[in-house]
Amino acid sequence: MPGKIMPPKMKHTAHGENSKAFPVIGIGASAGGLEALRDFFVHLPAPSECAFVVIVHLLHDHISLLPELLQRQTEIPVLTIEDGMAIAPNHIYVVPPGKDLSVFKNCFQLLDAVQGPGLHLPIDFFPQALAREKQSDAGCVILSGTGSDGTQGLKAIKAEGGVALVRDEASARRDPAPIFLETGQDSLAQSRTAEAV
């Protein structure tokens, strides 16, 4: 029987008198990371007290079926993010192609991804904003990635006391139930697949 992923134990902090704090977990994956995403969510207990935000490297003109594909793996509702959408626990949110994502006062802010020369690093962009917004209620999980994308996001999450994890690629080849390793700040930069921790 496959194992279950337990959401990271995180220190809850207050964000206003009338708001109940809950963890928000950014999940970064490369364009070919569908299998890793499936493995993650199929082993995730439902319902969850966390909100999950999926950031995937996709071209701006790509039509994404990712929300529909992920919904087949979990009972947790999967939604494509819209600008101004409020974040709620027990939801999985998917960033649409060609967008960068920020967050302010528990609502998503969609921004047009900058087109042109240079690297586009969407897995860095959102966790840095998330760390500022949620502090120790922020988390980041890197399933797969391109180059060093995710390194600065992990640093920001760790600096605010949140949980930063990368998938153990060696164990993933042996067992589909994901195993995660807590990162040091420079670990992701040492390997494009986050194997060196």
C-alpha atoms as a PDB file:
ATOM      1  CA  MET A   1       0.000   0.000   0.000  1.00  0.00           C
ATOM      2  CA  PRO A   2       1.516   3.373  -0.987  1.00  0.00           C
ATOM      3  CA  GLY A   3       2.626   5.724   1.763  1.00  0.00           C
ATOM      4  CA  LYS A   4       0.987   9.017   2.522  1.00  0.00           C
ATOM      5  CA  ILE A   5       2.588  12.438   2.394  1.00  0.00           C
ATOM      6  CA  MET A   6       2.055  14.374   5.581  1.00  0.00           C
ATOM      7  CA  PRO A   7       2.002  18.142   5.056  1.00  0.00           C
ATOM      8  CA  PRO A   8       4.986  19.904   6.647  1.00  0.00           C
ATOM      9  CA  LYS A   9       4.505  20.806  10.314  1.00  0.00           C
ATOM     10  CA  MET A  10       4.710  24.557  10.341  1.00  0.00           C
ATOM     11  CA  LYS A  11       4.543  27.197  13.030  1.00  0.00           C
ATOM     12  CA  HIS A  12       1.312  29.143  12.604  1.00  0.00           C
ATOM     13  CA  THR A  13       1.420  32.902  12.941  1.00  0.00           C
ATOM     14  CA  ALA A  14      -1.367  35.436  13.208  1.00  0.00           C
ATOM     15  CA  HIS A  15      -2.113  37.606  10.175  1.00  0.00           C
ATOM     16  CA  GLY A  16      -4.767  39.967  11.469  1.00  0.00           C
ATOM     17  CA  GLU A  17      -7.359  39.640  14.204  1.00  0.00           C
ATOM     18  CA  ASN A  18     -10.096  38.158  12.031  1.00  0.00           C
ATOM     19  CA  SER A  19      -7.994  35.833   9.891  1.00  0.00           C
ATOM     20  CA  LYS A  20      -7.030  32.275  10.667  1.00  0.00           C
ATOM     21  CA  ALA A  21      -3.496  31.510   9.566  1.00  0.00           C
ATOM     22  CA  PHE A  22      -2.902  28.442   7.433  1.00  0.00           C
ATOM     23  CA  PRO A  23       0.133  27.161   5.528  1.00  0.00           C
ATOM     24  CA  VAL A  24       0.517  27.953   1.828  1.00  0.00           C
ATOM     25  CA  ILE A  25       2.926  25.658  -0.007  1.00  0.00           C
ATOM     26  CA  GLY A  26       4.456  26.567  -3.372  1.00  0.00           C
ATOM     27  CA  ILE A  27       5.294  23.521  -5.504  1.00  0.00           C
ATOM     28  CA  GLY A  28       7.790  23.982  -8.330  1.00  0.00           C
ATOM     29  CA  ALA A  29       8.180  21.603 -11.270  1.00  0.00           C
ATOM     30  CA  SER A  30       9.651  21.633 -14.760  1.00  0.00           C
ATOM     31  CA  ALA A  31       7.464  21.307 -17.852  1.00  0.00           C
ATOM     32  CA  GLY A  32       8.131  17.564 -17.773  1.00  0.00           C
ATOM     33  CA  GLY A  33       7.248  17.265 -14.099  1.00  0.00           C
ATOM     34  CA  LEU A  34       3.717  15.873 -14.460  1.00  0.00           C
ATOM     35  CA  GLU A  35       4.657  12.466 -13.098  1.00  0.00           C
ATOM     36  CA  ALA A  36       6.289  14.015 -10.034  1.00  0.00           C
ATOM     37  CA  LEU A  37       3.209  16.166  -9.454  1.00  0.00           C
ATOM     38  CA  ARG A  38       0.945  13.135  -9.774  1.00  0.00           C
ATOM     39  CA  ASP A  39       3.079  11.215  -7.279  1.00  0.00           C
ATOM     40  CA  PHE A  40       2.905  14.104  -4.830  1.00  0.00           C
ATOM     41  CA  PHE A  41      -0.844  14.620  -4.892  1.00  0.00           C
ATOM     42  CA  VAL A  42      -1.916  10.984  -5.106  1.00  0.00           C
ATOM     43  CA  HIS A  43      -0.169  10.388  -1.757  1.00  0.00           C
ATOM     44  CA  LEU A  44      -1.485  13.564  -0.131  1.00  0.00           C
ATOM     45  CA  PRO A  45      -4.256  13.037   2.463  1.00  0.00           C
ATOM     46  CA  ALA A  46      -7.496  14.896   1.818  1.00  0.00           C
ATOM     47  CA  PRO A  47      -8.827  17.175   3.130  1.00  0.00           C
ATOM     48  CA  SER A  48      -5.754  19.265   3.897  1.00  0.00           C
ATOM     49  CA  GLU A  49      -5.292  22.277   6.162  1.00  0.00           C
ATOM     50  CA  CYS A  50      -2.814  23.670   3.612  1.00  0.00           C
ATOM     51  CA  ALA A  51      -3.227  25.508   0.317  1.00  0.00           C
ATOM     52  CA  PHE A  52      -0.950  24.324  -2.511  1.00  0.00           C
ATOM     53  CA  VAL A  53       0.227  26.477  -5.414  1.00  0.00           C
ATOM     54  CA  VAL A  54       1.679  24.683  -8.459  1.00  0.00           C
ATOM     55  CA  ILE A  55       4.239  26.583 -10.545  1.00  0.00           C
ATOM     56  CA  VAL A  56       5.342  24.872 -13.769  1.00  0.00           C
ATOM     57  CA  HIS A  57       7.649  26.053 -16.563  1.00  0.00           C
ATOM     58  CA  LEU A  58       5.301  26.489 -19.549  1.00  0.00           C
ATOM     59  CA  LEU A  59       5.446  28.681 -22.647  1.00  0.00           C
ATOM     60  CA  HIS A  60       3.158  31.711 -22.545  1.00  0.00           C
ATOM     61  CA  ASP A  61       1.051  30.436 -25.465  1.00  0.00           C
ATOM     62  CA  HIS A  62       0.750  26.895 -24.086  1.00  0.00           C
ATOM     63  CA  ILE A  63      -2.742  25.542 -23.351  1.00  0.00           C
ATOM     64  CA  SER A  64      -2.449  23.796 -20.012  1.00  0.00           C
ATOM     65  CA  LEU A  65      -4.512  20.748 -19.077  1.00  0.00           C
ATOM     66  CA  LEU A  66      -2.674  20.487 -15.781  1.00  0.00           C
ATOM     67  CA  PRO A  67      -5.646  21.373 -13.528  1.00  0.00           C
ATOM     68  CA  GLU A  68      -7.784  18.636 -15.101  1.00  0.00           C
ATOM     69  CA  LEU A  69      -4.945  16.095 -14.941  1.00  0.00           C
ATOM     70  CA  LEU A  70      -4.202  16.839 -11.285  1.00  0.00           C
ATOM     71  CA  GLN A  71      -7.885  16.706 -10.324  1.00  0.00           C
ATOM     72  CA  ARG A  72      -7.899  13.039 -11.359  1.00  0.00           C
ATOM     73  CA  GLN A  73      -5.312  12.326  -8.651  1.00  0.00           C
ATOM     74  CA  THR A  74      -6.933  13.985  -5.638  1.00  0.00           C
ATOM     75  CA  GLU A  75     -10.193  14.870  -3.928  1.00  0.00           C
ATOM     76  CA  ILE A  76      -8.826  18.325  -3.111  1.00  0.00           C
ATOM     77  CA  PRO A  77     -10.329  20.945  -5.472  1.00  0.00           C
ATOM     78  CA  VAL A  78      -7.922  22.064  -8.225  1.00  0.00           C
ATOM     79  CA  LEU A  79      -8.349  25.558  -9.663  1.00  0.00           C
ATOM     80  CA  THR A  80      -6.621  27.699 -12.270  1.00  0.00           C
ATOM     81  CA  ILE A  81      -5.574  30.940 -10.596  1.00  0.00           C
ATOM     82  CA  GLU A  82      -7.381  34.146 -11.517  1.00  0.00           C
ATOM     83  CA  ASP A  83      -6.176  37.625 -10.620  1.00  0.00           C
ATOM     84  CA  GLY A  84      -7.553  38.688  -7.232  1.00  0.00           C
ATOM     85  CA  MET A  85      -8.611  35.168  -6.223  1.00  0.00           C
ATOM     86  CA  ALA A  86      -8.570  34.632  -2.453  1.00  0.00           C
ATOM     87  CA  ILE A  87      -6.444  31.773  -1.110  1.00  0.00           C
ATOM     88  CA  ALA A  88      -8.207  29.108   0.948  1.00  0.00           C
ATOM     89  CA  PRO A  89      -6.950  25.945   2.644  1.00  0.00           C
ATOM     90  CA  ASN A  90      -7.736  22.529   1.138  1.00  0.00           C
ATOM     91  CA  HIS A  91      -7.280  23.825  -2.399  1.00  0.00           C
ATOM     92  CA  ILE A  92      -4.699  23.283  -5.129  1.00  0.00           C
ATOM     93  CA  TYR A  93      -4.046  26.321  -7.313  1.00  0.00           C
ATOM     94  CA  VAL A  94      -2.295  26.186 -10.694  1.00  0.00           C
ATOM     95  CA  VAL A  95      -0.528  29.215 -12.176  1.00  0.00           C
ATOM     96  CA  PRO A  96      -1.639  29.746 -15.801  1.00  0.00           C
ATOM     97  CA  PRO A  97       0.997  29.733 -18.568  1.00  0.00           C
ATOM     98  CA  GLY A  98       2.803  32.993 -19.292  1.00  0.00           C
ATOM     99  CA  LYS A  99       2.142  34.446 -15.850  1.00  0.00           C
ATOM    100  CA  ASP A 100       4.191  35.219 -12.788  1.00  0.00           C
ATOM    101  CA  LEU A 101       2.440  35.063  -9.453  1.00  0.00           C
ATOM    102  CA  SER A 102       2.540  37.282  -6.403  1.00  0.00           C
ATOM    103  CA  VAL A 103       0.331  37.453  -3.310  1.00  0.00           C
ATOM    104  CA  PHE A 104      -0.974  40.313  -1.199  1.00  0.00           C
ATOM    105  CA  LYS A 105      -3.411  40.227   1.727  1.00  0.00           C
ATOM    106  CA  ASN A 106      -4.181  36.547   1.053  1.00  0.00           C
ATOM    107  CA  CYS A 107      -5.136  37.159  -2.593  1.00  0.00           C
ATOM    108  CA  PHE A 108      -3.284  36.156  -5.743  1.00  0.00           C
ATOM    109  CA  GLN A 109      -1.848  38.760  -8.087  1.00  0.00           C
ATOM    110  CA  LEU A 110      -1.182  37.595 -11.642  1.00  0.00           C
ATOM    111  CA  LEU A 111       1.519  39.426 -13.602  1.00  0.00           C
ATOM    112  CA  ASP A 112       2.543  39.042 -17.221  1.00  0.00           C
ATOM    113  CA  ALA A 113       5.808  37.140 -17.390  1.00  0.00           C
ATOM    114  CA  VAL A 114       8.598  39.214 -18.856  1.00  0.00           C
ATOM    115  CA  GLN A 115       9.389  38.059 -22.396  1.00  0.00           C
ATOM    116  CA  GLY A 116      12.813  38.510 -23.916  1.00  0.00           C
ATOM    117  CA  PRO A 117      16.444  37.608 -23.308  1.00  0.00           C
ATOM    118  CA  GLY A 118      17.498  36.153 -20.008  1.00  0.00           C
ATOM    119  CA  LEU A 119      16.146  33.406 -17.818  1.00  0.00           C
ATOM    120  CA  HIS A 120      12.538  33.350 -16.697  1.00  0.00           C
ATOM    121  CA  LEU A 121      12.478  32.023 -13.128  1.00  0.00           C
ATOM    122  CA  PRO A 122       8.827  31.563 -12.081  1.00  0.00           C
ATOM    123  CA  ILE A 123       9.671  29.075  -9.320  1.00  0.00           C
ATOM    124  CA  ASP A 124      11.789  31.786  -7.665  1.00  0.00           C
ATOM    125  CA  PHE A 125       9.255  34.565  -8.146  1.00  0.00           C
ATOM    126  CA  PHE A 126       6.278  33.246  -6.188  1.00  0.00           C
ATOM    127  CA  PRO A 127       8.029  31.799  -3.111  1.00  0.00           C
ATOM    128  CA  GLN A 128       9.794  35.115  -2.521  1.00  0.00           C
ATOM    129  CA  ALA A 129       6.452  36.920  -2.522  1.00  0.00           C
ATOM    130  CA  LEU A 130       4.913  34.143  -0.433  1.00  0.00           C
ATOM    131  CA  ALA A 131       7.661  34.411   2.189  1.00  0.00           C
ATOM    132  CA  ARG A 132       6.977  38.128   2.602  1.00  0.00           C
ATOM    133  CA  GLU A 133       3.228  37.522   2.936  1.00  0.00           C
ATOM    134  CA  LYS A 134       3.035  34.379   5.077  1.00  0.00           C
ATOM    135  CA  GLN A 135       6.394  34.308   6.913  1.00  0.00           C
ATOM    136  CA  SER A 136       6.627  30.997   8.791  1.00  0.00           C
ATOM    137  CA  ASP A 137       3.338  29.811   7.286  1.00  0.00           C
ATOM    138  CA  ALA A 138       5.043  29.737   3.874  1.00  0.00           C
ATOM    139  CA  GLY A 139       6.511  26.573   2.394  1.00  0.00           C
ATOM    140  CA  CYS A 140       8.206  25.523  -0.820  1.00  0.00           C
ATOM    141  CA  VAL A 141       8.625  22.074  -2.380  1.00  0.00           C
ATOM    142  CA  ILE A 142      10.805  21.598  -5.464  1.00  0.00           C
ATOM    143  CA  LEU A 143       9.874  18.454  -7.396  1.00  0.00           C
ATOM    144  CA  SER A 144      11.959  19.195 -10.487  1.00  0.00           C
ATOM    145  CA  GLY A 145      13.287  22.286 -12.147  1.00  0.00           C
ATOM    146  CA  THR A 146      15.431  24.012 -14.713  1.00  0.00           C
ATOM    147  CA  GLY A 147      18.898  25.213 -13.769  1.00  0.00           C
ATOM    148  CA  SER A 148      18.877  27.096 -10.480  1.00  0.00           C
ATOM    149  CA  ASP A 149      15.227  28.176 -10.624  1.00  0.00           C
ATOM    150  CA  GLY A 150      13.904  27.843  -7.101  1.00  0.00           C
ATOM    151  CA  THR A 151      17.158  28.623  -5.282  1.00  0.00           C
ATOM    152  CA  GLN A 152      16.234  32.181  -4.299  1.00  0.00           C
ATOM    153  CA  GLY A 153      12.692  31.122  -3.457  1.00  0.00           C
ATOM    154  CA  LEU A 154      13.966  28.459  -1.082  1.00  0.00           C
ATOM    155  CA  LYS A 155      16.316  30.981   0.560  1.00  0.00           C
ATOM    156  CA  ALA A 156      13.452  33.426   1.106  1.00  0.00           C
ATOM    157  CA  ILE A 157      11.203  30.765   2.635  1.00  0.00           C
ATOM    158  CA  LYS A 158      13.963  29.532   4.948  1.00  0.00           C
ATOM    159  CA  ALA A 159      14.843  33.077   6.009  1.00  0.00           C
ATOM    160  CA  GLU A 160      11.284  33.633   7.234  1.00  0.00           C
ATOM    161  CA  GLY A 161      11.206  30.368   9.179  1.00  0.00           C
ATOM    162  CA  GLY A 162       9.148  28.404   6.645  1.00  0.00           C
ATOM    163  CA  VAL A 163       9.748  24.871   5.401  1.00  0.00           C
ATOM    164  CA  ALA A 164      11.772  24.331   2.202  1.00  0.00           C
ATOM    165  CA  LEU A 165      12.011  20.828   0.721  1.00  0.00           C
ATOM    166  CA  VAL A 166      13.356  19.202  -2.423  1.00  0.00           C
ATOM    167  CA  ARG A 167      12.439  15.805  -3.790  1.00  0.00           C
ATOM    168  CA  ASP A 168      14.971  13.039  -3.235  1.00  0.00           C
ATOM    169  CA  GLU A 169      15.490  11.942  -6.832  1.00  0.00           C
ATOM    170  CA  ALA A 170      17.370   8.777  -5.871  1.00  0.00           C
ATOM    171  CA  SER A 171      14.476   7.492  -3.762  1.00  0.00           C
ATOM    172  CA  ALA A 172      11.974   8.582  -6.411  1.00  0.00           C
ATOM    173  CA  ARG A 173      13.493   6.088  -8.859  1.00  0.00           C
ATOM    174  CA  ARG A 174      12.948   3.275  -6.334  1.00  0.00           C
ATOM    175  CA  ASP A 175       9.591   4.205  -4.804  1.00  0.00           C
ATOM    176  CA  PRO A 176       6.777   6.317  -6.297  1.00  0.00           C
ATOM    177  CA  ALA A 177       5.847   7.646  -2.856  1.00  0.00           C
ATOM    178  CA  PRO A 178       7.857  10.888  -2.727  1.00  0.00           C
ATOM    179  CA  ILE A 179      10.553  11.376  -0.104  1.00  0.00           C
ATOM    180  CA  PHE A 180      11.662  14.918   0.600  1.00  0.00           C
ATOM    181  CA  LEU A 181      14.828  16.353   2.056  1.00  0.00           C
ATOM    182  CA  GLU A 182      14.983  19.605   3.983  1.00  0.00           C
ATOM    183  CA  THR A 183      17.331  21.943   2.176  1.00  0.00           C
ATOM    184  CA  GLY A 184      20.271  24.101   3.033  1.00  0.00           C
ATOM    185  CA  GLN A 185      20.176  27.475   1.341  1.00  0.00           C
ATOM    186  CA  ASP A 186      22.635  26.566  -1.389  1.00  0.00           C
ATOM    187  CA  SER A 187      21.547  22.986  -2.026  1.00  0.00           C
ATOM    188  CA  LEU A 188      19.417  23.553  -5.104  1.00  0.00           C
ATOM    189  CA  ALA A 189      22.146  25.508  -6.841  1.00  0.00           C
ATOM    190  CA  GLN A 190      24.386  22.442  -6.689  1.00  0.00           C
ATOM    191  CA  SER A 191      22.162  20.364  -8.978  1.00  0.00           C
ATOM    192  CA  ARG A 192      19.540  21.162 -11.595  1.00  0.00           C
ATOM    193  CA  THR A 193      17.470  18.236 -10.345  1.00  0.00           C
ATOM    194  CA  ALA A 194      18.070  19.002  -6.666  1.00  0.00           C
ATOM    195  CA  GLU A 195      19.838  15.694  -6.086  1.00  0.00           C
ATOM    196  CA  ALA A 196      22.661  17.279  -4.068  1.00  0.00           C
ATOM    197  CA  VAL A 197      21.431  18.465  -0.690  1.00  0.00           C
END
